[in-house]
Amino acid sequence: MEKSEKIFIAGHRGLVGSALTRKLRADGFANLVTRDRPQLDLRNEAAVDRFFAKQKPALVIFAAAKVGGIKANNDLPVEFLLDNLQIQNNVIRAAHEVSVRKLLFLGSSCTYPKHAPQPIPEAALLTGPLEPTNEAYAIAKIAGIKLCQSYAREYGENFISAMPTNLYGPNDNFDLLSSHVLPALLRKAHEAKMKGDRELMVWGSGKPRREFMHVDDLAAACVFLLEKYDSAEIINIGCGEDISIRKLAELICEIVGFQGDLTWDTTMPDGTPRKLLDVSKLHDLGWHHTIGLREGIARTYEWFLRNAAPEISK
């Protein structure tokens, strides 16, 4: 990668996109192209075509998606399927039309089967049924992966796909109706502490195990892959370590300073029993994560206190 190359970051305001923007700027990449949704609706095929024809980026990082936690995925399957299909189809096709040198498509660990072997190898894709609560999102992401692979096979495009594990960090979504488990627990623990509550209710049984990676580690891994990886075969990005939701909730309460008791709403779904990625392929290439879970959550809570908490309390 040349420092002067024009790089389009699709979804630059989101959790992943903002981390990628920070990382690339810190590394000296000055020719970054970004667009807010009012400036460019990626669901609009004609608008995307005009943008790519004018900008002609050398590299594209696809971090744009309609995302959410179990409730949002469960309640809005049509929107999660249609919006994501439209966005990725438009961007990937337009990237081919203007001869983008390389494209990195970010998939998701939820595209793997619900009962995949643990840790989950890349070969597990499409080997079993998906987790029903996020099936629409997963199917859209699988379609994006297959479209990138098809462009690579049919046209020789250098379109690569990476499969991140569960992410968290600055610019995360802390809305309790649509957020993922870690930011939701962080906000709940903070609000319970502020109110002086004696109990904190957590969805599910606490038994499922999840892997969590700080988004700054993901950004570093993406830049590494853009420089070192040119295969159309998917590659996992993760830490290779997981934790139960119960232990995660206890850790978050400790970091936040909430000293009440945890209670569990077992009427709410647990989702996939376990989701840990096999990251041996990435490790063999020479990349490893650097931010531990405790440190990462503490840094995220500091960001939350400075940025999200004041808005929430209004």
C-alpha atoms as a PDB file:
ATOM      1  CA  MET A   1       0.000   0.000   0.000  1.00  0.00           C
ATOM      2  CA  GLU A   2       1.253   3.432  -0.957  1.00  0.00           C
ATOM      3  CA  LYS A   3       0.636   6.286   1.478  1.00  0.00           C
ATOM      4  CA  SER A   4      -0.707   8.410  -1.379  1.00  0.00           C
ATOM      5  CA  GLU A   5      -3.239   5.858  -2.659  1.00  0.00           C
ATOM      6  CA  LYS A   6      -6.869   6.928  -2.531  1.00  0.00           C
ATOM      7  CA  ILE A   7      -8.768   4.757  -0.040  1.00  0.00           C
ATOM      8  CA  PHE A   8     -12.564   4.761   0.247  1.00  0.00           C
ATOM      9  CA  ILE A   9     -13.805   3.713   3.688  1.00  0.00           C
ATOM     10  CA  ALA A  10     -17.465   2.747   3.371  1.00  0.00           C
ATOM     11  CA  GLY A  11     -19.125   3.254   6.756  1.00  0.00           C
ATOM     12  CA  HIS A  12     -16.467   5.530   8.243  1.00  0.00           C
ATOM     13  CA  ARG A  13     -18.670   6.813  11.080  1.00  0.00           C
ATOM     14  CA  GLY A  14     -19.463   3.411  12.535  1.00  0.00           C
ATOM     15  CA  LEU A  15     -17.580   1.422  15.148  1.00  0.00           C
ATOM     16  CA  VAL A  16     -15.328  -0.306  12.605  1.00  0.00           C
ATOM     17  CA  GLY A  17     -15.083   2.456  10.025  1.00  0.00           C
ATOM     18  CA  SER A  18     -14.060   5.101  12.543  1.00  0.00           C
ATOM     19  CA  ALA A  19     -11.355   2.809  13.930  1.00  0.00           C
ATOM     20  CA  LEU A  20     -10.043   2.172  10.416  1.00  0.00           C
ATOM     21  CA  THR A  21      -9.994   5.919   9.736  1.00  0.00           C
ATOM     22  CA  ARG A  22      -8.010   6.560  12.928  1.00  0.00           C
ATOM     23  CA  LYS A  23      -5.563   3.775  12.165  1.00  0.00           C
ATOM     24  CA  LEU A  24      -4.911   4.766   8.553  1.00  0.00           C
ATOM     25  CA  ARG A  25      -4.444   8.431   9.435  1.00  0.00           C
ATOM     26  CA  ALA A  26      -2.073   7.498  12.249  1.00  0.00           C
ATOM     27  CA  ASP A  27      -0.086   5.397   9.762  1.00  0.00           C
ATOM     28  CA  GLY A  28       0.264   8.336   7.381  1.00  0.00           C
ATOM     29  CA  PHE A  29      -2.419   7.553   4.802  1.00  0.00           C
ATOM     30  CA  ALA A  30      -3.699  11.030   3.955  1.00  0.00           C
ATOM     31  CA  ASN A  31      -5.797  10.366   0.854  1.00  0.00           C
ATOM     32  CA  LEU A  32      -8.870   8.941   2.557  1.00  0.00           C
ATOM     33  CA  VAL A  33     -12.302   9.342   0.984  1.00  0.00           C
ATOM     34  CA  THR A  34     -15.374   9.239   3.213  1.00  0.00           C
ATOM     35  CA  ARG A  35     -19.028  10.107   2.802  1.00  0.00           C
ATOM     36  CA  ASP A  36     -21.823  10.498   5.331  1.00  0.00           C
ATOM     37  CA  ARG A  37     -25.135   8.848   4.542  1.00  0.00           C
ATOM     38  CA  PRO A  38     -26.820  12.185   3.594  1.00  0.00           C
ATOM     39  CA  GLN A  39     -23.989  12.706   1.100  1.00  0.00           C
ATOM     40  CA  LEU A  40     -24.078   9.159  -0.295  1.00  0.00           C
ATOM     41  CA  ASP A  41     -26.786   6.587   0.370  1.00  0.00           C
ATOM     42  CA  LEU A  42     -25.056   3.310  -0.432  1.00  0.00           C
ATOM     43  CA  ARG A  43     -28.441   1.706  -1.098  1.00  0.00           C
ATOM     44  CA  ASN A  44     -28.835   3.992  -4.120  1.00  0.00           C
ATOM     45  CA  GLU A  45     -27.237   2.223  -7.085  1.00  0.00           C
ATOM     46  CA  ALA A  46     -27.060   5.280  -9.350  1.00  0.00           C
ATOM     47  CA  ALA A  47     -25.544   7.439  -6.615  1.00  0.00           C
ATOM     48  CA  VAL A  48     -22.906   4.814  -5.840  1.00  0.00           C
ATOM     49  CA  ASP A  49     -22.033   4.515  -9.535  1.00  0.00           C
ATOM     50  CA  ARG A  50     -21.610   8.295  -9.865  1.00  0.00           C
ATOM     51  CA  PHE A  51     -19.436   8.413  -6.748  1.00  0.00           C
ATOM     52  CA  PHE A  52     -17.079   5.653  -7.912  1.00  0.00           C
ATOM     53  CA  ALA A  53     -16.863   7.030 -11.450  1.00  0.00           C
ATOM     54  CA  LYS A  54     -15.789  10.405 -10.085  1.00  0.00           C
ATOM     55  CA  GLN A  55     -13.516   9.324  -7.216  1.00  0.00           C
ATOM     56  CA  LYS A  56     -11.922   6.171  -8.697  1.00  0.00           C
ATOM     57  CA  PRO A  57     -10.413   4.927  -5.423  1.00  0.00           C
ATOM     58  CA  ALA A  58      -7.473   2.538  -5.544  1.00  0.00           C
ATOM     59  CA  LEU A  59      -8.573   0.686  -2.410  1.00  0.00           C
ATOM     60  CA  VAL A  60     -11.973   0.088  -0.837  1.00  0.00           C
ATOM     61  CA  ILE A  61     -12.614  -1.029   2.741  1.00  0.00           C
ATOM     62  CA  PHE A  62     -16.197  -2.170   3.143  1.00  0.00           C
ATOM     63  CA  ALA A  63     -17.243  -1.502   6.745  1.00  0.00           C
ATOM     64  CA  ALA A  64     -20.787  -0.297   6.030  1.00  0.00           C
ATOM     65  CA  ALA A  65     -23.729  -2.355   7.256  1.00  0.00           C
ATOM     66  CA  LYS A  66     -27.025  -2.275   9.076  1.00  0.00           C
ATOM     67  CA  VAL A  67     -26.094  -3.914  12.365  1.00  0.00           C
ATOM     68  CA  GLY A  68     -27.665  -4.604  15.735  1.00  0.00           C
ATOM     69  CA  GLY A  69     -28.043  -7.022  18.602  1.00  0.00           C
ATOM     70  CA  ILE A  70     -30.360 -10.013  19.012  1.00  0.00           C
ATOM     71  CA  LYS A  71     -33.540  -7.936  19.449  1.00  0.00           C
ATOM     72  CA  ALA A  72     -32.942  -5.685  16.436  1.00  0.00           C
ATOM     73  CA  ASN A  73     -32.038  -8.641  14.217  1.00  0.00           C
ATOM     74  CA  ASN A  74     -35.062 -10.589  15.407  1.00  0.00           C
ATOM     75  CA  ASP A  75     -37.524  -7.718  14.964  1.00  0.00           C
ATOM     76  CA  LEU A  76     -36.320  -6.360  11.595  1.00  0.00           C
ATOM     77  CA  PRO A  77     -35.223  -9.278   9.387  1.00  0.00           C
ATOM     78  CA  VAL A  78     -36.471  -7.652   6.164  1.00  0.00           C
ATOM     79  CA  GLU A  79     -34.490  -4.474   6.779  1.00  0.00           C
ATOM     80  CA  PHE A  80     -31.363  -6.363   7.818  1.00  0.00           C
ATOM     81  CA  LEU A  81     -31.512  -8.493   4.685  1.00  0.00           C
ATOM     82  CA  LEU A  82     -32.517  -5.924   2.062  1.00  0.00           C
ATOM     83  CA  ASP A  83     -30.438  -2.980   3.286  1.00  0.00           C
ATOM     84  CA  ASN A  84     -27.253  -5.021   3.578  1.00  0.00           C
ATOM     85  CA  LEU A  85     -27.725  -6.738   0.221  1.00  0.00           C
ATOM     86  CA  GLN A  86     -28.319  -3.419  -1.534  1.00  0.00           C
ATOM     87  CA  ILE A  87     -25.364  -1.684   0.099  1.00  0.00           C
ATOM     88  CA  GLN A  88     -22.773  -4.390  -0.537  1.00  0.00           C
ATOM     89  CA  ASN A  89     -23.977  -5.272  -4.040  1.00  0.00           C
ATOM     90  CA  ASN A  90     -23.747  -1.632  -5.125  1.00  0.00           C
ATOM     91  CA  VAL A  91     -20.290  -1.043  -3.664  1.00  0.00           C
ATOM     92  CA  ILE A  92     -18.690  -4.313  -4.783  1.00  0.00           C
ATOM     93  CA  ARG A  93     -20.030  -4.042  -8.330  1.00  0.00           C
ATOM     94  CA  ALA A  94     -19.025  -0.377  -8.647  1.00  0.00           C
ATOM     95  CA  ALA A  95     -15.534  -1.192  -7.352  1.00  0.00           C
ATOM     96  CA  HIS A  96     -15.168  -3.708 -10.173  1.00  0.00           C
ATOM     97  CA  GLU A  97     -16.495  -1.271 -12.776  1.00  0.00           C
ATOM     98  CA  VAL A  98     -13.818   1.349 -12.012  1.00  0.00           C
ATOM     99  CA  SER A  99     -11.005  -1.232 -11.571  1.00  0.00           C
ATOM    100  CA  VAL A 100     -10.350  -0.768  -7.851  1.00  0.00           C
ATOM    101  CA  ARG A 101      -6.967  -2.364  -7.128  1.00  0.00           C
ATOM    102  CA  LYS A 102      -8.071  -4.112  -3.930  1.00  0.00           C
ATOM    103  CA  LEU A 103     -11.219  -4.399  -1.836  1.00  0.00           C
ATOM    104  CA  LEU A 104     -11.554  -5.678   1.731  1.00  0.00           C
ATOM    105  CA  PHE A 105     -15.040  -6.905   2.600  1.00  0.00           C
ATOM    106  CA  LEU A 106     -15.779  -7.328   6.290  1.00  0.00           C
ATOM    107  CA  GLY A 107     -18.070 -10.258   7.001  1.00  0.00           C
ATOM    108  CA  SER A 108     -19.091 -11.443  10.453  1.00  0.00           C
ATOM    109  CA  SER A 109     -18.599 -14.421  12.728  1.00  0.00           C
ATOM    110  CA  CYS A 110     -22.400 -14.808  12.818  1.00  0.00           C
ATOM    111  CA  THR A 111     -22.238 -16.185   9.266  1.00  0.00           C
ATOM    112  CA  TYR A 112     -20.946 -19.470  10.678  1.00  0.00           C
ATOM    113  CA  PRO A 113     -23.378 -22.264  11.624  1.00  0.00           C
ATOM    114  CA  LYS A 114     -25.002 -22.113  15.043  1.00  0.00           C
ATOM    115  CA  HIS A 115     -23.395 -25.391  16.068  1.00  0.00           C
ATOM    116  CA  ALA A 116     -20.069 -25.003  14.265  1.00  0.00           C
ATOM    117  CA  PRO A 117     -17.002 -26.741  15.703  1.00  0.00           C
ATOM    118  CA  GLN A 118     -15.159 -24.690  18.313  1.00  0.00           C
ATOM    119  CA  PRO A 119     -12.954 -22.810  17.702  1.00  0.00           C
ATOM    120  CA  ILE A 120     -14.589 -22.085  14.340  1.00  0.00           C
ATOM    121  CA  PRO A 121     -12.352 -22.647  11.295  1.00  0.00           C
ATOM    122  CA  GLU A 122     -12.923 -20.766   8.056  1.00  0.00           C
ATOM    123  CA  ALA A 123     -13.944 -24.080   6.432  1.00  0.00           C
ATOM    124  CA  ALA A 124     -17.090 -24.177   8.606  1.00  0.00           C
ATOM    125  CA  LEU A 125     -18.877 -21.614   6.439  1.00  0.00           C
ATOM    126  CA  LEU A 126     -22.101 -23.021   4.923  1.00  0.00           C
ATOM    127  CA  THR A 127     -21.772 -26.385   6.683  1.00  0.00           C
ATOM    128  CA  GLY A 128     -24.901 -26.109   8.856  1.00  0.00           C
ATOM    129  CA  PRO A 129     -27.971 -24.059   9.890  1.00  0.00           C
ATOM    130  CA  LEU A 130     -27.477 -20.488  11.104  1.00  0.00           C
ATOM    131  CA  GLU A 131     -28.489 -18.973  14.437  1.00  0.00           C
ATOM    132  CA  PRO A 132     -32.164 -18.001  13.805  1.00  0.00           C
ATOM    133  CA  THR A 133     -32.002 -14.709  15.716  1.00  0.00           C
ATOM    134  CA  ASN A 134     -29.542 -13.142  13.259  1.00  0.00           C
ATOM    135  CA  GLU A 135     -30.149 -15.262  10.173  1.00  0.00           C
ATOM    136  CA  ALA A 136     -31.140 -12.371   7.869  1.00  0.00           C
ATOM    137  CA  TYR A 137     -27.958 -10.419   8.593  1.00  0.00           C
ATOM    138  CA  ALA A 138     -25.825 -13.536   8.264  1.00  0.00           C
ATOM    139  CA  ILE A 139     -27.332 -14.471   4.896  1.00  0.00           C
ATOM    140  CA  ALA A 140     -26.655 -10.980   3.561  1.00  0.00           C
ATOM    141  CA  LYS A 141     -23.029 -11.160   4.695  1.00  0.00           C
ATOM    142  CA  ILE A 142     -22.583 -14.622   3.167  1.00  0.00           C
ATOM    143  CA  ALA A 143     -23.894 -13.226  -0.119  1.00  0.00           C
ATOM    144  CA  GLY A 144     -21.286 -10.444   0.077  1.00  0.00           C
ATOM    145  CA  ILE A 145     -18.491 -12.930   0.674  1.00  0.00           C
ATOM    146  CA  LYS A 146     -19.622 -15.066  -2.250  1.00  0.00           C
ATOM    147  CA  LEU A 147     -19.910 -12.011  -4.512  1.00  0.00           C
ATOM    148  CA  CYS A 148     -16.309 -11.029  -3.716  1.00  0.00           C
ATOM    149  CA  GLN A 149     -15.145 -14.586  -4.373  1.00  0.00           C
ATOM    150  CA  SER A 150     -17.090 -14.661  -7.631  1.00  0.00           C
ATOM    151  CA  TYR A 151     -15.468 -11.454  -8.845  1.00  0.00           C
ATOM    152  CA  ALA A 152     -12.087 -12.917  -7.950  1.00  0.00           C
ATOM    153  CA  ARG A 153     -12.786 -16.139  -9.819  1.00  0.00           C
ATOM    154  CA  GLU A 154     -14.523 -14.679 -12.888  1.00  0.00           C
ATOM    155  CA  TYR A 155     -12.606 -11.420 -13.312  1.00  0.00           C
ATOM    156  CA  GLY A 156      -9.417 -11.920 -11.315  1.00  0.00           C
ATOM    157  CA  GLU A 157     -10.263  -9.138  -8.876  1.00  0.00           C
ATOM    158  CA  ASN A 158      -8.269  -8.829  -5.647  1.00  0.00           C
ATOM    159  CA  PHE A 159     -11.380  -8.732  -3.457  1.00  0.00           C
ATOM    160  CA  ILE A 160     -10.672 -10.281  -0.054  1.00  0.00           C
ATOM    161  CA  SER A 161     -13.046 -11.082   2.839  1.00  0.00           C
ATOM    162  CA  ALA A 162     -12.297 -11.088   6.549  1.00  0.00           C
ATOM    163  CA  MET A 163     -14.490 -12.478   9.333  1.00  0.00           C
ATOM    164  CA  PRO A 164     -14.237 -10.381  12.518  1.00  0.00           C
ATOM    165  CA  THR A 165     -15.275 -11.694  15.890  1.00  0.00           C
ATOM    166  CA  ASN A 166     -17.501  -9.651  18.250  1.00  0.00           C
ATOM    167  CA  LEU A 167     -16.200  -6.087  18.426  1.00  0.00           C
ATOM    168  CA  TYR A 168     -16.411  -3.211  20.889  1.00  0.00           C
ATOM    169  CA  GLY A 169     -14.758   0.136  21.530  1.00  0.00           C
ATOM    170  CA  PRO A 170     -15.085   3.875  20.787  1.00  0.00           C
ATOM    171  CA  ASN A 171     -18.142   4.880  18.734  1.00  0.00           C
ATOM    172  CA  ASP A 172     -19.990   1.708  19.677  1.00  0.00           C
ATOM    173  CA  ASN A 173     -23.788   1.674  19.785  1.00  0.00           C
ATOM    174  CA  PHE A 174     -25.034   1.991  23.377  1.00  0.00           C
ATOM    175  CA  ASP A 175     -28.757   2.036  22.548  1.00  0.00           C
ATOM    176  CA  LEU A 176     -30.331  -0.653  24.716  1.00  0.00           C
ATOM    177  CA  LEU A 177     -32.826  -1.671  22.013  1.00  0.00           C
ATOM    178  CA  SER A 178     -30.308  -2.230  19.225  1.00  0.00           C
ATOM    179  CA  SER A 179     -26.834  -2.644  20.741  1.00  0.00           C
ATOM    180  CA  HIS A 180     -24.713  -5.757  21.133  1.00  0.00           C
ATOM    181  CA  VAL A 181     -24.147  -7.420  24.479  1.00  0.00           C
ATOM    182  CA  LEU A 182     -20.937  -5.719  25.670  1.00  0.00           C
ATOM    183  CA  PRO A 183     -21.937  -2.064  25.136  1.00  0.00           C
ATOM    184  CA  ALA A 184     -25.436  -2.833  26.436  1.00  0.00           C
ATOM    185  CA  LEU A 185     -24.014  -4.300  29.645  1.00  0.00           C
ATOM    186  CA  LEU A 186     -21.608  -1.376  29.999  1.00  0.00           C
ATOM    187  CA  ARG A 187     -24.439   1.136  29.814  1.00  0.00           C
ATOM    188  CA  LYS A 188     -26.705  -0.900  32.100  1.00  0.00           C
ATOM    189  CA  ALA A 189     -23.988  -1.233  34.738  1.00  0.00           C
ATOM    190  CA  HIS A 190     -23.210   2.497  34.559  1.00  0.00           C
ATOM    191  CA  GLU A 191     -26.869   3.500  34.905  1.00  0.00           C
ATOM    192  CA  ALA A 192     -27.436   1.028  37.748  1.00  0.00           C
ATOM    193  CA  LYS A 193     -24.428   2.497  39.544  1.00  0.00           C
ATOM    194  CA  MET A 194     -25.659   6.073  39.033  1.00  0.00           C
ATOM    195  CA  LYS A 195     -29.136   5.177  40.332  1.00  0.00           C
ATOM    196  CA  GLY A 196     -27.814   3.222  43.292  1.00  0.00           C
ATOM    197  CA  ASP A 197     -29.674   0.085  42.195  1.00  0.00           C
ATOM    198  CA  ARG A 198     -29.126  -3.121  44.107  1.00  0.00           C
ATOM    199  CA  GLU A 199     -29.703  -5.418  41.122  1.00  0.00           C
ATOM    200  CA  LEU A 200     -28.807  -5.491  37.449  1.00  0.00           C
ATOM    201  CA  MET A 201     -30.942  -7.609  35.114  1.00  0.00           C
ATOM    202  CA  VAL A 202     -29.105  -9.358  32.264  1.00  0.00           C
ATOM    203  CA  TRP A 203     -30.756 -11.134  29.342  1.00  0.00           C
ATOM    204  CA  GLY A 204     -30.415 -14.901  29.034  1.00  0.00           C
ATOM    205  CA  SER A 205     -28.771 -17.468  31.268  1.00  0.00           C
ATOM    206  CA  GLY A 206     -25.218 -16.118  31.217  1.00  0.00           C
ATOM    207  CA  LYS A 207     -23.935 -19.478  29.959  1.00  0.00           C
ATOM    208  CA  PRO A 208     -23.093 -18.677  26.314  1.00  0.00           C
ATOM    209  CA  ARG A 209     -19.446 -17.958  25.577  1.00  0.00           C
ATOM    210  CA  ARG A 210     -18.276 -15.162  23.312  1.00  0.00           C
ATOM    211  CA  GLU A 211     -15.013 -13.805  21.969  1.00  0.00           C
ATOM    212  CA  PHE A 212     -14.508 -10.031  22.080  1.00  0.00           C
ATOM    213  CA  MET A 213     -11.933  -7.913  20.250  1.00  0.00           C
ATOM    214  CA  HIS A 214     -11.252  -4.208  20.687  1.00  0.00           C
ATOM    215  CA  VAL A 215     -12.009  -2.445  17.427  1.00  0.00           C
ATOM    216  CA  ASP A 216      -8.556  -0.824  17.320  1.00  0.00           C
ATOM    217  CA  ASP A 217      -7.074  -4.321  17.101  1.00  0.00           C
ATOM    218  CA  LEU A 218      -9.435  -5.100  14.240  1.00  0.00           C
ATOM    219  CA  ALA A 219      -8.337  -1.956  12.389  1.00  0.00           C
ATOM    220  CA  ALA A 220      -4.697  -2.986  12.765  1.00  0.00           C
ATOM    221  CA  ALA A 221      -5.507  -6.466  11.456  1.00  0.00           C
ATOM    222  CA  CYS A 222      -7.329  -5.012   8.441  1.00  0.00           C
ATOM    223  CA  VAL A 223      -4.379  -2.836   7.459  1.00  0.00           C
ATOM    224  CA  PHE A 224      -2.135  -5.873   7.874  1.00  0.00           C
ATOM    225  CA  LEU A 225      -4.345  -7.929   5.543  1.00  0.00           C
ATOM    226  CA  LEU A 226      -4.504  -5.163   2.957  1.00  0.00           C
ATOM    227  CA  GLU A 227      -0.731  -5.267   2.845  1.00  0.00           C
ATOM    228  CA  LYS A 228      -0.095  -9.004   3.238  1.00  0.00           C
ATOM    229  CA  TYR A 229      -3.135 -11.040   2.125  1.00  0.00           C
ATOM    230  CA  ASP A 230      -4.367 -11.527  -1.440  1.00  0.00           C
ATOM    231  CA  SER A 231      -6.429 -14.724  -1.325  1.00  0.00           C
ATOM    232  CA  ALA A 232     -10.151 -14.877  -2.093  1.00  0.00           C
ATOM    233  CA  GLU A 233     -10.512 -17.429   0.731  1.00  0.00           C
ATOM    234  CA  ILE A 234     -12.027 -15.924   3.885  1.00  0.00           C
ATOM    235  CA  ILE A 235      -9.828 -15.293   6.923  1.00  0.00           C
ATOM    236  CA  ASN A 236     -10.886 -14.975  10.567  1.00  0.00           C
ATOM    237  CA  ILE A 237      -9.917 -11.983  12.716  1.00  0.00           C
ATOM    238  CA  GLY A 238     -10.103 -12.518  16.455  1.00  0.00           C
ATOM    239  CA  CYS A 239      -8.253 -13.011  19.712  1.00  0.00           C
ATOM    240  CA  GLY A 240      -8.547 -16.785  20.047  1.00  0.00           C
ATOM    241  CA  GLU A 241      -9.953 -16.359  23.579  1.00  0.00           C
ATOM    242  CA  ASP A 242     -13.548 -16.362  24.844  1.00  0.00           C
ATOM    243  CA  ILE A 243     -15.492 -15.661  28.034  1.00  0.00           C
ATOM    244  CA  SER A 244     -18.941 -16.548  29.355  1.00  0.00           C
ATOM    245  CA  ILE A 245     -21.565 -13.797  29.362  1.00  0.00           C
ATOM    246  CA  ARG A 246     -21.795 -14.216  33.139  1.00  0.00           C
ATOM    247  CA  LYS A 247     -18.063 -13.609  33.574  1.00  0.00           C
ATOM    248  CA  LEU A 248     -18.233 -10.708  31.113  1.00  0.00           C
ATOM    249  CA  ALA A 249     -21.034  -9.081  33.118  1.00  0.00           C
ATOM    250  CA  GLU A 250     -19.064  -9.526  36.337  1.00  0.00           C
ATOM    251  CA  LEU A 251     -15.961  -7.992  34.743  1.00  0.00           C
ATOM    252  CA  ILE A 252     -17.907  -5.009  33.420  1.00  0.00           C
ATOM    253  CA  CYS A 253     -19.526  -4.408  36.818  1.00  0.00           C
ATOM    254  CA  GLU A 254     -16.080  -4.491  38.431  1.00  0.00           C
ATOM    255  CA  ILE A 255     -14.637  -1.985  35.936  1.00  0.00           C
ATOM    256  CA  VAL A 256     -17.666   0.328  36.136  1.00  0.00           C
ATOM    257  CA  GLY A 257     -17.873   0.085  39.917  1.00  0.00           C
ATOM    258  CA  PHE A 258     -21.383  -1.364  40.225  1.00  0.00           C
ATOM    259  CA  GLN A 259     -21.521  -3.397  43.423  1.00  0.00           C
ATOM    260  CA  GLY A 260     -25.054  -4.803  43.285  1.00  0.00           C
ATOM    261  CA  ASP A 261     -26.182  -8.291  42.341  1.00  0.00           C
ATOM    262  CA  LEU A 262     -26.680  -9.723  38.865  1.00  0.00           C
ATOM    263  CA  THR A 263     -30.020 -11.346  38.035  1.00  0.00           C
ATOM    264  CA  TRP A 264     -30.810 -13.265  34.857  1.00  0.00           C
ATOM    265  CA  ASP A 265     -33.886 -13.022  32.620  1.00  0.00           C
ATOM    266  CA  THR A 266     -33.964 -16.559  31.246  1.00  0.00           C
ATOM    267  CA  THR A 267     -37.068 -15.795  29.170  1.00  0.00           C
ATOM    268  CA  MET A 268     -34.784 -13.921  26.761  1.00  0.00           C
ATOM    269  CA  PRO A 269     -32.801 -15.856  24.105  1.00  0.00           C
ATOM    270  CA  ASP A 270     -29.185 -16.847  24.615  1.00  0.00           C
ATOM    271  CA  GLY A 271     -28.315 -17.043  20.926  1.00  0.00           C
ATOM    272  CA  THR A 272     -25.492 -19.305  19.769  1.00  0.00           C
ATOM    273  CA  PRO A 273     -24.099 -21.389  22.684  1.00  0.00           C
ATOM    274  CA  ARG A 274     -20.478 -20.588  21.857  1.00  0.00           C
ATOM    275  CA  LYS A 275     -18.711 -18.510  19.240  1.00  0.00           C
ATOM    276  CA  LEU A 276     -14.918 -18.599  19.234  1.00  0.00           C
ATOM    277  CA  LEU A 277     -12.953 -18.169  16.034  1.00  0.00           C
ATOM    278  CA  ASP A 278      -9.985 -20.249  14.976  1.00  0.00           C
ATOM    279  CA  VAL A 279      -7.401 -17.549  14.225  1.00  0.00           C
ATOM    280  CA  SER A 280      -4.466 -19.841  13.477  1.00  0.00           C
ATOM    281  CA  LYS A 281      -4.472 -18.741   9.836  1.00  0.00           C
ATOM    282  CA  LEU A 282      -4.042 -15.087  10.843  1.00  0.00           C
ATOM    283  CA  HIS A 283      -1.457 -15.969  13.488  1.00  0.00           C
ATOM    284  CA  ASP A 284       0.522 -17.958  10.926  1.00  0.00           C
ATOM    285  CA  LEU A 285       0.727 -14.816   8.795  1.00  0.00           C
ATOM    286  CA  GLY A 286       2.312 -13.015  11.753  1.00  0.00           C
ATOM    287  CA  TRP A 287      -0.490 -10.913  13.267  1.00  0.00           C
ATOM    288  CA  HIS A 288      -1.709 -11.077  16.893  1.00  0.00           C
ATOM    289  CA  HIS A 289      -4.023  -8.836  18.917  1.00  0.00           C
ATOM    290  CA  THR A 290      -2.475  -6.539  21.538  1.00  0.00           C
ATOM    291  CA  ILE A 291      -5.379  -5.188  23.642  1.00  0.00           C
ATOM    292  CA  GLY A 292      -6.561  -7.441  26.477  1.00  0.00           C
ATOM    293  CA  LEU A 293     -10.254  -7.599  27.395  1.00  0.00           C
ATOM    294  CA  ARG A 294      -9.961  -5.831  30.772  1.00  0.00           C
ATOM    295  CA  GLU A 295      -7.851  -3.041  29.309  1.00  0.00           C
ATOM    296  CA  GLY A 296     -10.139  -2.719  26.297  1.00  0.00           C
ATOM    297  CA  ILE A 297     -13.328  -2.492  28.378  1.00  0.00           C
ATOM    298  CA  ALA A 298     -11.721   0.067  30.699  1.00  0.00           C
ATOM    299  CA  ARG A 299     -10.717   2.206  27.707  1.00  0.00           C
ATOM    300  CA  THR A 300     -14.197   1.875  26.237  1.00  0.00           C
ATOM    301  CA  TYR A 301     -15.810   2.905  29.533  1.00  0.00           C
ATOM    302  CA  GLU A 302     -13.593   5.999  29.637  1.00  0.00           C
ATOM    303  CA  TRP A 303     -14.743   6.856  26.108  1.00  0.00           C
ATOM    304  CA  PHE A 304     -18.367   6.206  27.103  1.00  0.00           C
ATOM    305  CA  LEU A 305     -18.102   8.581  30.074  1.00  0.00           C
ATOM    306  CA  ARG A 306     -16.654  11.361  27.889  1.00  0.00           C
ATOM    307  CA  ASN A 307     -18.868  10.944  24.848  1.00  0.00           C
ATOM    308  CA  ALA A 308     -21.976   8.764  25.208  1.00  0.00           C
ATOM    309  CA  ALA A 309     -23.006   9.184  28.858  1.00  0.00           C
ATOM    310  CA  PRO A 310     -23.579  12.979  28.629  1.00  0.00           C
ATOM    311  CA  GLU A 311     -25.894  12.493  25.631  1.00  0.00           C
ATOM    312  CA  ILE A 312     -27.783   9.621  27.239  1.00  0.00           C
ATOM    313  CA  SER A 313     -28.407  11.621  30.432  1.00  0.00           C
ATOM    314  CA  LYS A 314     -30.000  14.579  28.601  1.00  0.00           C
END
